[in-house]
PDB file of N, CA and C in Angstrom:
ATOM      1  N   ALA A   1       0.820  -1.194   0.000  1.00  0.00           N
ATOM      2  CA  ALA A   1       0.000   0.000   0.000  1.00  0.00           C
ATOM      3  C   ALA A   1       0.866   1.260   0.000  1.00  0.00           C
ATOM      4  N   HIS A   2       2.011   1.207   0.674  1.00  0.00           N
ATOM      5  CA  HIS A   2       2.877   2.378   0.729  1.00  0.00           C
ATOM      6  C   HIS A   2       3.409   2.741  -0.656  1.00  0.00           C
ATOM      7  N   LEU A   3       3.748   1.727  -1.443  1.00  0.00           N
ATOM      8  CA  LEU A   3       4.249   1.994  -2.790  1.00  0.00           C
ATOM      9  C   LEU A   3       3.195   2.706  -3.631  1.00  0.00           C
ATOM     10  N   GLY A   4       1.945   2.287  -3.506  1.00  0.00           N
ATOM     11  CA  GLY A   4       0.862   2.946  -4.236  1.00  0.00           C
ATOM     12  C   GLY A   4       0.712   4.397  -3.837  1.00  0.00           C
ATOM     13  N   LEU A   5       0.842   4.692  -2.560  1.00  0.00           N
ATOM     14  CA  LEU A   5       0.758   6.078  -2.092  1.00  0.00           C
ATOM     15  C   LEU A   5       1.930   6.906  -2.626  1.00  0.00           C
ATOM     16  N   LEU A   6       3.123   6.326  -2.608  1.00  0.00           N
ATOM     17  CA  LEU A   6       4.291   7.049  -3.125  1.00  0.00           C
ATOM     18  C   LEU A   6       4.167   7.323  -4.619  1.00  0.00           C
ATOM     19  N   GLU A   7       3.653   6.358  -5.376  1.00  0.00           N
ATOM     20  CA  GLU A   7       3.441   6.582  -6.807  1.00  0.00           C
ATOM     21  C   GLU A   7       2.412   7.680  -7.042  1.00  0.00           C
ATOM     22  N   GLY A   8       1.388   7.727  -6.219  1.00  0.00           N
ATOM     23  CA  GLY A   8       0.385   8.785  -6.327  1.00  0.00           C
ATOM     24  C   GLY A   8       0.972  10.159  -6.062  1.00  0.00           C
ATOM     25  N   VAL A   9       1.818  10.268  -5.044  1.00  0.00           N
ATOM     26  CA  VAL A   9       2.473  11.540  -4.736  1.00  0.00           C
ATOM     27  C   VAL A   9       3.405  11.943  -5.873  1.00  0.00           C
ATOM     28  N   GLN A  10       4.155  10.973  -6.402  1.00  0.00           N
ATOM     29  CA  GLN A  10       5.057  11.280  -7.514  1.00  0.00           C
ATOM     30  C   GLN A  10       4.276  11.793  -8.723  1.00  0.00           C
ATOM     31  N   GLY A  11       3.160  11.145  -9.050  1.00  0.00           N
ATOM     32  CA  GLY A  11       2.335  11.587 -10.169  1.00  0.00           C
ATOM     33  C   GLY A  11       1.747  12.977  -9.952  1.00  0.00           C
ATOM     34  N   TYR A  12       1.467  13.316  -8.708  1.00  0.00           N
ATOM     35  CA  TYR A  12       0.931  14.643  -8.386  1.00  0.00           C
ATOM     36  C   TYR A  12       2.019  15.708  -8.493  1.00  0.00           C
ATOM     37  N   LEU A  13       3.193  15.418  -7.957  1.00  0.00           N
ATOM     38  CA  LEU A  13       4.278  16.399  -7.950  1.00  0.00           C
ATOM     39  C   LEU A  13       4.950  16.552  -9.304  1.00  0.00           C
ATOM     40  N   ASP A  14       5.051  15.465 -10.062  1.00  0.00           N
ATOM     41  CA  ASP A  14       5.725  15.499 -11.359  1.00  0.00           C
ATOM     42  C   ASP A  14       4.951  14.635 -12.343  1.00  0.00           C
ATOM     43  N   PRO A  15       3.834  15.162 -12.869  1.00  0.00           N
ATOM     44  CA  PRO A  15       3.035  14.352 -13.791  1.00  0.00           C
ATOM     45  C   PRO A  15       3.815  14.056 -15.060  1.00  0.00           C
ATOM     46  N   GLY A  16       3.634  12.872 -15.583  1.00  0.00           N
ATOM     47  CA  GLY A  16       4.317  12.477 -16.810  1.00  0.00           C
ATOM     48  C   GLY A  16       3.817  13.263 -18.012  1.00  0.00           C
ATOM     49  N   GLU A  17       4.550  13.133 -19.089  1.00  0.00           N
ATOM     50  CA  GLU A  17       4.203  13.820 -20.338  1.00  0.00           C
ATOM     51  C   GLU A  17       3.448  12.849 -21.235  1.00  0.00           C
ATOM     52  N   LEU A  18       2.314  13.285 -21.730  1.00  0.00           N
ATOM     53  CA  LEU A  18       1.499  12.500 -22.647  1.00  0.00           C
ATOM     54  C   LEU A  18       1.480  13.228 -23.979  1.00  0.00           C
ATOM     55  N   ILE A  19       1.834  12.527 -25.043  1.00  0.00           N
ATOM     56  CA  ILE A  19       1.792  13.122 -26.382  1.00  0.00           C
ATOM     57  C   ILE A  19       0.838  12.295 -27.225  1.00  0.00           C
ATOM     58  N   VAL A  20      -0.165  12.964 -27.771  1.00  0.00           N
ATOM     59  CA  VAL A  20      -1.149  12.327 -28.641  1.00  0.00           C
ATOM     60  C   VAL A  20      -0.896  12.839 -30.050  1.00  0.00           C
ATOM     61  N   ILE A  21      -0.613  11.913 -30.955  1.00  0.00           N
ATOM     62  CA  ILE A  21      -0.361  12.258 -32.359  1.00  0.00           C
ATOM     63  C   ILE A  21      -1.572  11.822 -33.157  1.00  0.00           C
ATOM     64  N   ARG A  22      -2.109  12.738 -33.939  1.00  0.00           N
ATOM     65  CA  ARG A  22      -3.249  12.437 -34.813  1.00  0.00           C
ATOM     66  C   ARG A  22      -2.802  12.620 -36.248  1.00  0.00           C
ATOM     67  N   GLY A  23      -3.006  11.618 -37.056  1.00  0.00           N
ATOM     68  CA  GLY A  23      -2.630  11.676 -38.456  1.00  0.00           C
ATOM     69  C   GLY A  23      -2.496  10.272 -39.012  1.00  0.00           C
ATOM     70  N   ALA A  24      -2.079  10.192 -40.281  1.00  0.00           N
ATOM     71  CA  ALA A  24      -1.945   8.897 -40.934  1.00  0.00           C
ATOM     72  C   ALA A  24      -0.720   8.927 -41.843  1.00  0.00           C
ATOM     73  N   GLY A  25      -0.271   7.754 -42.234  1.00  0.00           N
ATOM     74  CA  GLY A  25       0.788   7.646 -43.218  1.00  0.00           C
ATOM     75  C   GLY A  25       2.185   7.674 -42.644  1.00  0.00           C
ATOM     76  N   GLU A  26       3.138   7.790 -43.552  1.00  0.00           N
ATOM     77  CA  GLU A  26       4.557   7.740 -43.189  1.00  0.00           C
ATOM     78  C   GLU A  26       4.971   8.898 -42.278  1.00  0.00           C
ATOM     79  N   GLN A  27       4.383  10.051 -42.465  1.00  0.00           N
ATOM     80  CA  GLN A  27       4.742  11.201 -41.636  1.00  0.00           C
ATOM     81  C   GLN A  27       4.440  10.923 -40.159  1.00  0.00           C
ATOM     82  N   THR A  28       3.336  10.255 -39.888  1.00  0.00           N
ATOM     83  CA  THR A  28       2.984   9.899 -38.515  1.00  0.00           C
ATOM     84  C   THR A  28       4.016   8.935 -37.930  1.00  0.00           C
ATOM     85  N   LYS A  29       4.461   7.974 -38.732  1.00  0.00           N
ATOM     86  CA  LYS A  29       5.479   7.019 -38.279  1.00  0.00           C
ATOM     87  C   LYS A  29       6.785   7.734 -37.956  1.00  0.00           C
ATOM     88  N   THR A  30       7.132   8.736 -38.761  1.00  0.00           N
ATOM     89  CA  THR A  30       8.342   9.513 -38.508  1.00  0.00           C
ATOM     90  C   THR A  30       8.235  10.271 -37.193  1.00  0.00           C
ATOM     91  N   TRP A  31       7.096  10.890 -36.935  1.00  0.00           N
ATOM     92  CA  TRP A  31       6.897  11.624 -35.682  1.00  0.00           C
ATOM     93  C   TRP A  31       7.048  10.683 -34.493  1.00  0.00           C
ATOM     94  N   ARG A  32       6.393   9.518 -34.548  1.00  0.00           N
ATOM     95  CA  ARG A  32       6.458   8.570 -33.435  1.00  0.00           C
ATOM     96  C   ARG A  32       7.891   8.076 -33.223  1.00  0.00           C
ATOM     97  N   ALA A  33       8.574   7.708 -34.296  1.00  0.00           N
ATOM     98  CA  ALA A  33       9.950   7.212 -34.179  1.00  0.00           C
ATOM     99  C   ALA A  33      10.879   8.273 -33.607  1.00  0.00           C
ATOM    100  N   THR A  34      10.692   9.517 -34.012  1.00  0.00           N
ATOM    101  CA  THR A  34      11.527  10.610 -33.501  1.00  0.00           C
ATOM    102  C   THR A  34      11.304  10.811 -32.008  1.00  0.00           C
ATOM    103  N   LEU A  35      10.060  10.767 -31.575  1.00  0.00           N
ATOM    104  CA  LEU A  35       9.746  10.968 -30.155  1.00  0.00           C
ATOM    105  C   LEU A  35      10.169   9.793 -29.290  1.00  0.00           C
ATOM    106  N   GLN A  36      10.239   8.608 -29.863  1.00  0.00           N
ATOM    107  CA  GLN A  36      10.613   7.425 -29.094  1.00  0.00           C
ATOM    108  C   GLN A  36      12.097   7.078 -29.228  1.00  0.00           C
ATOM    109  N   ARG A  37      12.825   7.840 -30.006  1.00  0.00           N
ATOM    110  CA  ARG A  37      14.250   7.570 -30.218  1.00  0.00           C
ATOM    111  C   ARG A  37      15.038   7.680 -28.911  1.00  0.00           C
ATOM    112  N   ASP A  38      14.787   8.719 -28.146  1.00  0.00           N
ATOM    113  CA  ASP A  38      15.474   8.927 -26.875  1.00  0.00           C
ATOM    114  C   ASP A  38      14.498   8.690 -25.728  1.00  0.00           C
ATOM    115  N   TYR A  39      14.998   8.057 -24.681  1.00  0.00           N
ATOM    116  CA  TYR A  39      14.171   7.784 -23.510  1.00  0.00           C
ATOM    117  C   TYR A  39      13.922   9.076 -22.731  1.00  0.00           C
ATOM    118  N   VAL A  40      12.664   9.327 -22.416  1.00  0.00           N
ATOM    119  CA  VAL A  40      12.271  10.441 -21.559  1.00  0.00           C
ATOM    120  C   VAL A  40      11.379   9.845 -20.468  1.00  0.00           C
ATOM    121  N   ALA A  41      11.853   9.915 -19.233  1.00  0.00           N
ATOM    122  CA  ALA A  41      11.112   9.323 -18.111  1.00  0.00           C
ATOM    123  C   ALA A  41       9.704   9.909 -18.037  1.00  0.00           C
ATOM    124  N   GLY A  42       8.725   9.053 -17.928  1.00  0.00           N
ATOM    125  CA  GLY A  42       7.341   9.498 -17.772  1.00  0.00           C
ATOM    126  C   GLY A  42       6.633   9.869 -19.060  1.00  0.00           C
ATOM    127  N   ARG A  43       7.302   9.763 -20.209  1.00  0.00           N
ATOM    128  CA  ARG A  43       6.665  10.131 -21.489  1.00  0.00           C
ATOM    129  C   ARG A  43       5.919   8.929 -22.063  1.00  0.00           C
ATOM    130  N   ARG A  44       4.692   9.198 -22.484  1.00  0.00           N
ATOM    131  CA  ARG A  44       3.897   8.207 -23.207  1.00  0.00           C
ATOM    132  C   ARG A  44       3.468   8.822 -24.523  1.00  0.00           C
ATOM    133  N   VAL A  45       3.624   8.099 -25.610  1.00  0.00           N
ATOM    134  CA  VAL A  45       3.278   8.578 -26.944  1.00  0.00           C
ATOM    135  C   VAL A  45       2.196   7.670 -27.517  1.00  0.00           C
ATOM    136  N   PHE A  46       1.094   8.278 -27.940  1.00  0.00           N
ATOM    137  CA  PHE A  46      -0.005   7.541 -28.550  1.00  0.00           C
ATOM    138  C   PHE A  46      -0.257   8.100 -29.943  1.00  0.00           C
ATOM    139  N   VAL A  47      -0.442   7.212 -30.912  1.00  0.00           N
ATOM    140  CA  VAL A  47      -0.793   7.609 -32.272  1.00  0.00           C
ATOM    141  C   VAL A  47      -2.216   7.133 -32.527  1.00  0.00           C
ATOM    142  N   ILE A  48      -3.072   8.076 -32.886  1.00  0.00           N
ATOM    143  CA  ILE A  48      -4.473   7.756 -33.135  1.00  0.00           C
ATOM    144  C   ILE A  48      -4.791   8.128 -34.578  1.00  0.00           C
ATOM    145  N   PRO A  49      -5.221   7.163 -35.390  1.00  0.00           N
ATOM    146  CA  PRO A  49      -5.541   7.477 -36.779  1.00  0.00           C
ATOM    147  C   PRO A  49      -6.738   8.418 -36.872  1.00  0.00           C
ATOM    148  N   PRO A  50      -6.801   9.214 -37.933  1.00  0.00           N
ATOM    149  CA  PRO A  50      -7.890  10.203 -38.050  1.00  0.00           C
ATOM    150  C   PRO A  50      -9.271   9.585 -38.123  1.00  0.00           C
ATOM    151  N   GLU A  51      -9.372   8.352 -38.583  1.00  0.00           N
ATOM    152  CA  GLU A  51     -10.696   7.740 -38.724  1.00  0.00           C
ATOM    153  C   GLU A  51     -11.188   7.073 -37.450  1.00  0.00           C
ATOM    154  N   ALA A  52     -10.418   7.128 -36.364  1.00  0.00           N
ATOM    155  CA  ALA A  52     -10.824   6.513 -35.095  1.00  0.00           C
ATOM    156  C   ALA A  52     -12.072   7.204 -34.547  1.00  0.00           C
ATOM    157  N   THR A  53     -13.005   6.385 -34.087  1.00  0.00           N
ATOM    158  CA  THR A  53     -14.246   6.919 -33.514  1.00  0.00           C
ATOM    159  C   THR A  53     -14.444   6.311 -32.126  1.00  0.00           C
ATOM    160  N   ASP A  54     -15.445   6.777 -31.437  1.00  0.00           N
ATOM    161  CA  ASP A  54     -15.781   6.281 -30.096  1.00  0.00           C
ATOM    162  C   ASP A  54     -14.613   6.413 -29.122  1.00  0.00           C
ATOM    163  N   LEU A  55     -13.908   7.530 -29.208  1.00  0.00           N
ATOM    164  CA  LEU A  55     -12.798   7.786 -28.287  1.00  0.00           C
ATOM    165  C   LEU A  55     -13.327   8.392 -26.999  1.00  0.00           C
ATOM    166  N   PRO A  56     -12.654   8.159 -25.873  1.00  0.00           N
ATOM    167  CA  PRO A  56     -13.054   8.833 -24.639  1.00  0.00           C
ATOM    168  C   PRO A  56     -12.907  10.344 -24.786  1.00  0.00           C
ATOM    169  N   ALA A  57     -13.617  11.090 -23.975  1.00  0.00           N
ATOM    170  CA  ALA A  57     -13.668  12.552 -24.110  1.00  0.00           C
ATOM    171  C   ALA A  57     -12.289  13.193 -24.129  1.00  0.00           C
ATOM    172  N   GLY A  58     -11.368  12.733 -23.308  1.00  0.00           N
ATOM    173  CA  GLY A  58     -10.035  13.323 -23.261  1.00  0.00           C
ATOM    174  C   GLY A  58      -9.251  13.163 -24.553  1.00  0.00           C
ATOM    175  N   LEU A  59      -9.564  12.131 -25.328  1.00  0.00           N
ATOM    176  CA  LEU A  59      -8.897  11.927 -26.614  1.00  0.00           C
ATOM    177  C   LEU A  59      -9.731  12.459 -27.776  1.00  0.00           C
ATOM    178  N   ALA A  60     -11.035  12.423 -27.654  1.00  0.00           N
ATOM    179  CA  ALA A  60     -11.904  12.875 -28.741  1.00  0.00           C
ATOM    180  C   ALA A  60     -11.703  14.348 -29.051  1.00  0.00           C
ATOM    181  N   ASP A  61     -11.330  15.138 -28.041  1.00  0.00           N
ATOM    182  CA  ASP A  61     -11.136  16.567 -28.303  1.00  0.00           C
ATOM    183  C   ASP A  61      -9.761  16.861 -28.921  1.00  0.00           C
ATOM    184  N   LYS A  62      -8.920  15.855 -29.071  1.00  0.00           N
ATOM    185  CA  LYS A  62      -7.625  15.996 -29.757  1.00  0.00           C
ATOM    186  C   LYS A  62      -7.853  15.624 -31.223  1.00  0.00           C
ATOM    187  N   ARG A  63      -8.390  16.565 -31.962  1.00  0.00           N
ATOM    188  CA  ARG A  63      -8.852  16.311 -33.327  1.00  0.00           C
ATOM    189  C   ARG A  63      -7.710  16.325 -34.345  1.00  0.00           C
ATOM    190  N   PRO A  64      -7.833  15.473 -35.402  1.00  0.00           N
ATOM    191  CA  PRO A  64      -6.841  15.505 -36.482  1.00  0.00           C
ATOM    192  C   PRO A  64      -7.065  16.711 -37.373  1.00  0.00           C
ATOM    193  N   GLN A  65      -6.054  17.061 -38.140  1.00  0.00           N
ATOM    194  CA  GLN A  65      -6.186  18.136 -39.120  1.00  0.00           C
ATOM    195  C   GLN A  65      -6.534  17.523 -40.470  1.00  0.00           C
ATOM    196  N   ARG A  66      -6.958  18.363 -41.385  1.00  0.00           N
ATOM    197  CA  ARG A  66      -7.313  17.864 -42.715  1.00  0.00           C
ATOM    198  C   ARG A  66      -6.095  17.283 -43.428  1.00  0.00           C
ATOM    199  N   ASP A  67      -4.971  17.973 -43.357  1.00  0.00           N
ATOM    200  CA  ASP A  67      -3.748  17.516 -44.009  1.00  0.00           C
ATOM    201  C   ASP A  67      -2.624  17.481 -42.987  1.00  0.00           C
ATOM    202  N   GLY A  68      -1.797  16.465 -43.060  1.00  0.00           N
ATOM    203  CA  GLY A  68      -0.627  16.416 -42.197  1.00  0.00           C
ATOM    204  C   GLY A  68      -0.898  15.803 -40.842  1.00  0.00           C
ATOM    205  N   VAL A  69       0.023  16.082 -39.950  1.00  0.00           N
ATOM    206  CA  VAL A  69       0.009  15.497 -38.611  1.00  0.00           C
ATOM    207  C   VAL A  69      -0.098  16.622 -37.590  1.00  0.00           C
ATOM    208  N   VAL A  70      -0.782  16.346 -36.508  1.00  0.00           N
ATOM    209  CA  VAL A  70      -0.873  17.293 -35.401  1.00  0.00           C
ATOM    210  C   VAL A  70      -0.626  16.514 -34.117  1.00  0.00           C
ATOM    211  N   ALA A  71       0.026  17.162 -33.169  1.00  0.00           N
ATOM    212  CA  ALA A  71       0.297  16.519 -31.885  1.00  0.00           C
ATOM    213  C   ALA A  71      -0.188  17.417 -30.760  1.00  0.00           C
ATOM    214  N   TYR A  72      -0.550  16.781 -29.675  1.00  0.00           N
ATOM    215  CA  TYR A  72      -0.983  17.464 -28.467  1.00  0.00           C
ATOM    216  C   TYR A  72      -0.101  16.981 -27.322  1.00  0.00           C
ATOM    217  N   ARG A  73       0.584  17.905 -26.639  1.00  0.00           N
ATOM    218  CA  ARG A  73       1.453  17.561 -25.505  1.00  0.00           C
ATOM    219  C   ARG A  73       0.744  17.973 -24.223  1.00  0.00           C
ATOM    220  N   CYS A  74       0.596  17.013 -23.311  1.00  0.00           N
ATOM    221  CA  CYS A  74      -0.102  17.262 -22.048  1.00  0.00           C
ATOM    222  C   CYS A  74       0.770  16.840 -20.872  1.00  0.00           C
ATOM    223  N   ARG A  75       0.680  17.597 -19.783  1.00  0.00           N
ATOM    224  CA  ARG A  75       1.306  17.245 -18.503  1.00  0.00           C
ATOM    225  C   ARG A  75       0.243  17.482 -17.436  1.00  0.00           C
ATOM    226  N   GLY A  76      -0.063  16.423 -16.700  1.00  0.00           N
ATOM    227  CA  GLY A  76      -1.126  16.548 -15.711  1.00  0.00           C
ATOM    228  C   GLY A  76      -2.454  16.805 -16.404  1.00  0.00           C
ATOM    229  N   HIS A  77      -3.129  17.868 -16.012  1.00  0.00           N
ATOM    230  CA  HIS A  77      -4.423  18.215 -16.600  1.00  0.00           C
ATOM    231  C   HIS A  77      -4.315  19.375 -17.574  1.00  0.00           C
ATOM    232  N   ARG A  78      -3.087  19.755 -17.960  1.00  0.00           N
ATOM    233  CA  ARG A  78      -2.874  20.892 -18.857  1.00  0.00           C
ATOM    234  C   ARG A  78      -2.276  20.413 -20.170  1.00  0.00           C
ATOM    235  N   CYS A  79      -2.894  20.831 -21.280  1.00  0.00           N
ATOM    236  CA  CYS A  79      -2.388  20.488 -22.602  1.00  0.00           C
ATOM    237  C   CYS A  79      -1.987  21.761 -23.347  1.00  0.00           C
ATOM    238  N   ASP A  80      -0.885  21.663 -24.075  1.00  0.00           N
ATOM    239  CA  ASP A  80      -0.434  22.771 -24.907  1.00  0.00           C
ATOM    240  C   ASP A  80      -1.348  22.881 -26.127  1.00  0.00           C
ATOM    241  N   PRO A  81      -1.312  24.027 -26.811  1.00  0.00           N
ATOM    242  CA  PRO A  81      -2.056  24.142 -28.070  1.00  0.00           C
ATOM    243  C   PRO A  81      -1.539  23.110 -29.080  1.00  0.00           C
ATOM    244  N   PRO A  82      -2.323  22.793 -30.103  1.00  0.00           N
ATOM    245  CA  PRO A  82      -1.896  21.817 -31.110  1.00  0.00           C
ATOM    246  C   PRO A  82      -0.545  22.205 -31.717  1.00  0.00           C
ATOM    247  N   ILE A  83       0.287  21.197 -31.950  1.00  0.00           N
ATOM    248  CA  ILE A  83       1.628  21.401 -32.510  1.00  0.00           C
ATOM    249  C   ILE A  83       1.670  20.729 -33.875  1.00  0.00           C
ATOM    250  N   THR A  84       2.054  21.481 -34.902  1.00  0.00           N
ATOM    251  CA  THR A  84       2.102  20.945 -36.261  1.00  0.00           C
ATOM    252  C   THR A  84       3.524  20.856 -36.809  1.00  0.00           C
ATOM    253  N   ASP A  85       4.504  21.213 -35.997  1.00  0.00           N
ATOM    254  CA  ASP A  85       5.905  21.165 -36.417  1.00  0.00           C
ATOM    255  C   ASP A  85       6.655  20.189 -35.512  1.00  0.00           C
ATOM    256  N   LEU A  86       7.249  19.173 -36.103  1.00  0.00           N
ATOM    257  CA  LEU A  86       7.924  18.135 -35.326  1.00  0.00           C
ATOM    258  C   LEU A  86       9.069  18.703 -34.497  1.00  0.00           C
ATOM    259  N   GLN A  87       9.833  19.635 -35.020  1.00  0.00           N
ATOM    260  CA  GLN A  87      10.961  20.200 -34.282  1.00  0.00           C
ATOM    261  C   GLN A  87      10.494  20.951 -33.040  1.00  0.00           C
ATOM    262  N   THR A  88       9.362  21.605 -33.104  1.00  0.00           N
ATOM    263  CA  THR A  88       8.794  22.266 -31.942  1.00  0.00           C
ATOM    264  C   THR A  88       8.425  21.238 -30.879  1.00  0.00           C
ATOM    265  N   LEU A  89       7.935  20.094 -31.305  1.00  0.00           N
ATOM    266  CA  LEU A  89       7.521  19.050 -30.376  1.00  0.00           C
ATOM    267  C   LEU A  89       8.718  18.367 -29.725  1.00  0.00           C
ATOM    268  N   VAL A  90       9.819  18.258 -30.428  1.00  0.00           N
ATOM    269  CA  VAL A  90      11.000  17.574 -29.907  1.00  0.00           C
ATOM    270  C   VAL A  90      11.629  18.351 -28.758  1.00  0.00           C
ATOM    271  N   VAL A  91      11.529  19.682 -28.778  1.00  0.00           N
ATOM    272  CA  VAL A  91      12.060  20.509 -27.704  1.00  0.00           C
ATOM    273  C   VAL A  91      11.248  20.241 -26.450  1.00  0.00           C
ATOM    274  N   PRO A  92      11.882  19.898 -25.316  1.00  0.00           N
ATOM    275  CA  PRO A  92      11.123  19.592 -24.099  1.00  0.00           C
ATOM    276  C   PRO A  92      10.263  20.763 -23.654  1.00  0.00           C
ATOM    277  N   ALA A  93       9.077  20.440 -23.154  1.00  0.00           N
ATOM    278  CA  ALA A  93       8.186  21.476 -22.603  1.00  0.00           C
ATOM    279  C   ALA A  93       8.721  21.948 -21.266  1.00  0.00           C
ATOM    280  N   THR A  94       8.475  23.203 -20.948  1.00  0.00           N
ATOM    281  CA  THR A  94       8.927  23.742 -19.655  1.00  0.00           C
ATOM    282  C   THR A  94       7.775  23.770 -18.687  1.00  0.00           C
TER     283      THR A  94
END
């Protein structure tokens, strides 16, 4: 039980980074590979194709763009505005 409490405190004090990538094709694969190339503690990367439906509310509002790839970077309950440039996404959030 103590370990569970410590993990809860750690998640509260330093929430992990969640990156949701919306898009399709080779460009999406490049974005995912670039983000997973180097280990970043607490980072989770999810790729959701544009045609995915029945997503939970937290993911459904991360909408794909008509052309290209878009990513959403979140820490805790705060998400940055949509990111459409891979180099901007690679720079760690402050």
